[in-house]
Amino acid sequence: RMSDKTTGLMASVAGFTGVGIGAFGAHALKAFLNERNMLKTWETGVQYHLVHSVALLACWAAMRASPETPHLTMAARFWGVGIALFSGSLYGLCLGAPRWTGAITPIGGLCFMAGWGCVAASALKAPSPGYNA
C-alpha cells in the first residue's frame, strides 16, 4: 500500500524536477529548442508536470487528513506515472528521441485522466460532513 509519506515524497520530487526542467528549458536549452521548433512542446510538458505536482501535493494533504483514502492512493499513482510518461515523452521528443516516443504521450494523458477519475470516485464515496441520514 502506498503511504501518504510516499505521496508527499512524490509530490516534492515532481515539483522540484518540474521547476528545474522548466528553468533548464527556458535558459540553457532555449536556443536549441527554438532551432528545433520544440519550445512550445517543452513548455507543455512542464505545464502538465507542474500542474500534477500540485495535484499530488493536494492529494498528500488529503491523505494525511483522512488515511482511509484508497481512491486518492490510486490517483497519486496514476499522476506519478502520467508525469513520467506524458511529460517525459515530450521532453524526450524535444531532445531528439525517436518519433515513436510520441506514441507514449497519450498513455500518460490517460493516466492523468484516470487520476482525476479516482478523485471523483473519492468525492462520491466521501460522507458529507454534518449529514445525518
C-alpha atoms as a PDB file:
ATOM      1  CA  ARG A   1       0.000   0.000   0.000  1.00  0.00           C
ATOM      2  CA  MET A   2       1.296   3.403  -0.938  1.00  0.00           C
ATOM      3  CA  SER A   3       1.672   5.573   2.152  1.00  0.00           C
ATOM      4  CA  ASP A   4       0.967   9.256   2.464  1.00  0.00           C
ATOM      5  CA  LYS A   5       4.724   9.621   3.055  1.00  0.00           C
ATOM      6  CA  THR A   6       5.398   8.173  -0.421  1.00  0.00           C
ATOM      7  CA  THR A   7       2.841  10.540  -1.951  1.00  0.00           C
ATOM      8  CA  GLY A   8       4.433  13.521  -0.189  1.00  0.00           C
ATOM      9  CA  LEU A   9       7.845  12.457  -1.447  1.00  0.00           C
ATOM     10  CA  MET A  10       6.476  12.014  -4.984  1.00  0.00           C
ATOM     11  CA  ALA A  11       4.919  15.488  -4.857  1.00  0.00           C
ATOM     12  CA  SER A  12       8.137  17.111  -3.682  1.00  0.00           C
ATOM     13  CA  VAL A  13      10.347  15.317  -6.212  1.00  0.00           C
ATOM     14  CA  ALA A  14       7.895  16.067  -9.031  1.00  0.00           C
ATOM     15  CA  GLY A  15       7.698  19.740  -8.055  1.00  0.00           C
ATOM     16  CA  PHE A  16      11.467  20.033  -7.699  1.00  0.00           C
ATOM     17  CA  THR A  17      12.182  18.390 -11.050  1.00  0.00           C
ATOM     18  CA  GLY A  18       9.372  20.298 -12.776  1.00  0.00           C
ATOM     19  CA  VAL A  19      10.828  23.645 -11.730  1.00  0.00           C
ATOM     20  CA  GLY A  20      14.346  22.535 -12.673  1.00  0.00           C
ATOM     21  CA  ILE A  21      13.328  21.170 -16.077  1.00  0.00           C
ATOM     22  CA  GLY A  22      11.276  24.297 -16.772  1.00  0.00           C
ATOM     23  CA  ALA A  23      14.202  26.569 -15.933  1.00  0.00           C
ATOM     24  CA  PHE A  24      16.608  24.412 -17.947  1.00  0.00           C
ATOM     25  CA  GLY A  25      14.354  24.686 -21.000  1.00  0.00           C
ATOM     26  CA  ALA A  26      13.809  28.431 -20.572  1.00  0.00           C
ATOM     27  CA  HIS A  27      17.511  29.195 -20.273  1.00  0.00           C
ATOM     28  CA  ALA A  28      20.130  26.578 -21.183  1.00  0.00           C
ATOM     29  CA  LEU A  29      18.073  24.827 -23.873  1.00  0.00           C
ATOM     30  CA  LYS A  30      16.097  27.774 -25.229  1.00  0.00           C
ATOM     31  CA  ALA A  31      18.157  28.291 -28.405  1.00  0.00           C
ATOM     32  CA  PHE A  32      18.299  24.534 -29.080  1.00  0.00           C
ATOM     33  CA  LEU A  33      14.546  24.126 -28.585  1.00  0.00           C
ATOM     34  CA  ASN A  34      13.771  27.163 -30.752  1.00  0.00           C
ATOM     35  CA  GLU A  35      16.002  25.795 -33.552  1.00  0.00           C
ATOM     36  CA  ARG A  36      14.014  22.564 -33.488  1.00  0.00           C
ATOM     37  CA  ASN A  37      10.693  24.428 -33.118  1.00  0.00           C
ATOM     38  CA  MET A  38      10.097  22.481 -29.885  1.00  0.00           C
ATOM     39  CA  LEU A  39       9.955  25.203 -27.218  1.00  0.00           C
ATOM     40  CA  LYS A  40       6.138  25.081 -27.032  1.00  0.00           C
ATOM     41  CA  THR A  41       6.224  21.289 -26.694  1.00  0.00           C
ATOM     42  CA  TRP A  42       8.751  21.579 -23.860  1.00  0.00           C
ATOM     43  CA  GLU A  43       6.544  24.157 -22.147  1.00  0.00           C
ATOM     44  CA  THR A  44       3.523  21.848 -22.476  1.00  0.00           C
ATOM     45  CA  GLY A  45       5.471  19.049 -20.784  1.00  0.00           C
ATOM     46  CA  VAL A  46       6.500  21.381 -17.972  1.00  0.00           C
ATOM     47  CA  GLN A  47       2.949  22.733 -17.551  1.00  0.00           C
ATOM     48  CA  TYR A  48       1.407  19.279 -17.107  1.00  0.00           C
ATOM     49  CA  HIS A  49       4.353  18.202 -14.945  1.00  0.00           C
ATOM     50  CA  LEU A  50       3.861  21.129 -12.546  1.00  0.00           C
ATOM     51  CA  VAL A  51       0.045  21.038 -12.508  1.00  0.00           C
ATOM     52  CA  HIS A  52       0.122  17.390 -11.494  1.00  0.00           C
ATOM     53  CA  SER A  53       2.886  18.054  -8.954  1.00  0.00           C
ATOM     54  CA  VAL A  54       0.480  20.437  -7.218  1.00  0.00           C
ATOM     55  CA  ALA A  55      -2.306  17.855  -7.567  1.00  0.00           C
ATOM     56  CA  LEU A  56      -0.017  15.317  -5.867  1.00  0.00           C
ATOM     57  CA  LEU A  57       0.622  17.824  -3.084  1.00  0.00           C
ATOM     58  CA  ALA A  58      -3.129  18.292  -2.544  1.00  0.00           C
ATOM     59  CA  CYS A  59      -3.613  14.534  -2.635  1.00  0.00           C
ATOM     60  CA  TRP A  60      -0.908  14.124   0.017  1.00  0.00           C
ATOM     61  CA  ALA A  61      -2.612  16.681   2.261  1.00  0.00           C
ATOM     62  CA  ALA A  62      -5.968  14.924   1.878  1.00  0.00           C
ATOM     63  CA  MET A  63      -4.411  11.525   2.581  1.00  0.00           C
ATOM     64  CA  ARG A  64      -2.846  12.862   5.791  1.00  0.00           C
ATOM     65  CA  ALA A  65      -6.181  14.289   6.918  1.00  0.00           C
ATOM     66  CA  SER A  66      -8.059  11.062   6.187  1.00  0.00           C
ATOM     67  CA  PRO A  67      -5.821   7.958   5.973  1.00  0.00           C
ATOM     68  CA  GLU A  68      -8.513   5.649   4.553  1.00  0.00           C
ATOM     69  CA  THR A  69      -8.495   7.021   1.011  1.00  0.00           C
ATOM     70  CA  PRO A  70      -7.812   4.207  -1.455  1.00  0.00           C
ATOM     71  CA  HIS A  71      -9.075   6.243  -4.417  1.00  0.00           C
ATOM     72  CA  LEU A  72      -6.628   9.034  -3.621  1.00  0.00           C
ATOM     73  CA  THR A  73      -3.819   6.498  -3.383  1.00  0.00           C
ATOM     74  CA  MET A  74      -4.708   5.351  -6.900  1.00  0.00           C
ATOM     75  CA  ALA A  75      -4.929   8.960  -8.121  1.00  0.00           C
ATOM     76  CA  ALA A  76      -1.406   9.611  -6.832  1.00  0.00           C
ATOM     77  CA  ARG A  77      -0.098   6.508  -8.594  1.00  0.00           C
ATOM     78  CA  PHE A  78      -1.758   7.468 -11.864  1.00  0.00           C
ATOM     79  CA  TRP A  79      -0.449  11.043 -11.677  1.00  0.00           C
ATOM     80  CA  GLY A  80       3.101   9.907 -10.923  1.00  0.00           C
ATOM     81  CA  VAL A  81       3.063   7.570 -13.914  1.00  0.00           C
ATOM     82  CA  GLY A  82       1.356  10.265 -16.012  1.00  0.00           C
ATOM     83  CA  ILE A  83       4.127  12.764 -15.292  1.00  0.00           C
ATOM     84  CA  ALA A  84       6.769  10.216 -16.245  1.00  0.00           C
ATOM     85  CA  LEU A  85       5.032   9.101 -19.459  1.00  0.00           C
ATOM     86  CA  PHE A  86       3.376  12.304 -20.691  1.00  0.00           C
ATOM     87  CA  SER A  87       5.923  14.923 -19.730  1.00  0.00           C
ATOM     88  CA  GLY A  88       8.869  12.539 -20.001  1.00  0.00           C
ATOM     89  CA  SER A  89       7.989  11.565 -23.569  1.00  0.00           C
ATOM     90  CA  LEU A  90       7.576  15.225 -24.558  1.00  0.00           C
ATOM     91  CA  TYR A  91      10.969  16.076 -23.046  1.00  0.00           C
ATOM     92  CA  GLY A  92      12.473  13.146 -24.919  1.00  0.00           C
ATOM     93  CA  LEU A  93      10.958  14.222 -28.234  1.00  0.00           C
ATOM     94  CA  CYS A  94      12.272  17.744 -27.729  1.00  0.00           C
ATOM     95  CA  LEU A  95      15.769  16.396 -27.108  1.00  0.00           C
ATOM     96  CA  GLY A  96      15.769  14.193 -30.208  1.00  0.00           C
ATOM     97  CA  ALA A  97      14.269  10.872 -29.122  1.00  0.00           C
ATOM     98  CA  PRO A  98      12.819   8.745 -31.948  1.00  0.00           C
ATOM     99  CA  ARG A  99       9.415   9.875 -33.217  1.00  0.00           C
ATOM    100  CA  TRP A 100       7.763   6.690 -31.924  1.00  0.00           C
ATOM    101  CA  THR A 101       8.330   8.139 -28.441  1.00  0.00           C
ATOM    102  CA  GLY A 102       5.334  10.360 -29.219  1.00  0.00           C
ATOM    103  CA  ALA A 103       3.112   7.257 -29.011  1.00  0.00           C
ATOM    104  CA  ILE A 104       3.819   7.155 -25.266  1.00  0.00           C
ATOM    105  CA  THR A 105       2.448  10.666 -24.658  1.00  0.00           C
ATOM    106  CA  PRO A 106      -1.279   9.782 -24.888  1.00  0.00           C
ATOM    107  CA  ILE A 107      -0.788   6.897 -22.442  1.00  0.00           C
ATOM    108  CA  GLY A 108       0.491   9.445 -19.950  1.00  0.00           C
ATOM    109  CA  GLY A 109      -2.514  11.640 -20.716  1.00  0.00           C
ATOM    110  CA  LEU A 110      -4.829   8.721 -19.983  1.00  0.00           C
ATOM    111  CA  CYS A 111      -3.036   8.243 -16.661  1.00  0.00           C
ATOM    112  CA  PHE A 112      -3.701  11.892 -15.797  1.00  0.00           C
ATOM    113  CA  MET A 113      -7.375  11.423 -16.652  1.00  0.00           C
ATOM    114  CA  ALA A 114      -7.595   8.192 -14.659  1.00  0.00           C
ATOM    115  CA  GLY A 115      -6.147  10.018 -11.655  1.00  0.00           C
ATOM    116  CA  TRP A 116      -8.833  12.686 -11.896  1.00  0.00           C
ATOM    117  CA  GLY A 117     -11.432   9.928 -12.214  1.00  0.00           C
ATOM    118  CA  CYS A 118     -10.115   8.452  -8.955  1.00  0.00           C
ATOM    119  CA  VAL A 119     -10.530  11.848  -7.283  1.00  0.00           C
ATOM    120  CA  ALA A 120     -14.139  11.934  -8.498  1.00  0.00           C
ATOM    121  CA  ALA A 121     -14.718   8.431  -7.099  1.00  0.00           C
ATOM    122  CA  SER A 122     -13.234   9.515  -3.778  1.00  0.00           C
ATOM    123  CA  ALA A 123     -15.502  12.574  -3.688  1.00  0.00           C
ATOM    124  CA  LEU A 124     -18.581  10.467  -4.425  1.00  0.00           C
ATOM    125  CA  LYS A 125     -17.674   7.990  -1.704  1.00  0.00           C
ATOM    126  CA  ALA A 126     -16.848  10.581   0.968  1.00  0.00           C
ATOM    127  CA  PRO A 127     -19.508  11.194   3.602  1.00  0.00           C
ATOM    128  CA  SER A 128     -20.946  14.688   3.727  1.00  0.00           C
ATOM    129  CA  PRO A 129     -19.890  16.498   6.915  1.00  0.00           C
ATOM    130  CA  GLY A 130     -22.745  17.112   9.304  1.00  0.00           C
ATOM    131  CA  TYR A 131     -25.198  14.946   7.346  1.00  0.00           C
ATOM    132  CA  ASN A 132     -27.215  12.527   9.447  1.00  0.00           C
ATOM    133  CA  ALA A 133     -29.212  10.003   7.464  1.00  0.00           C
END
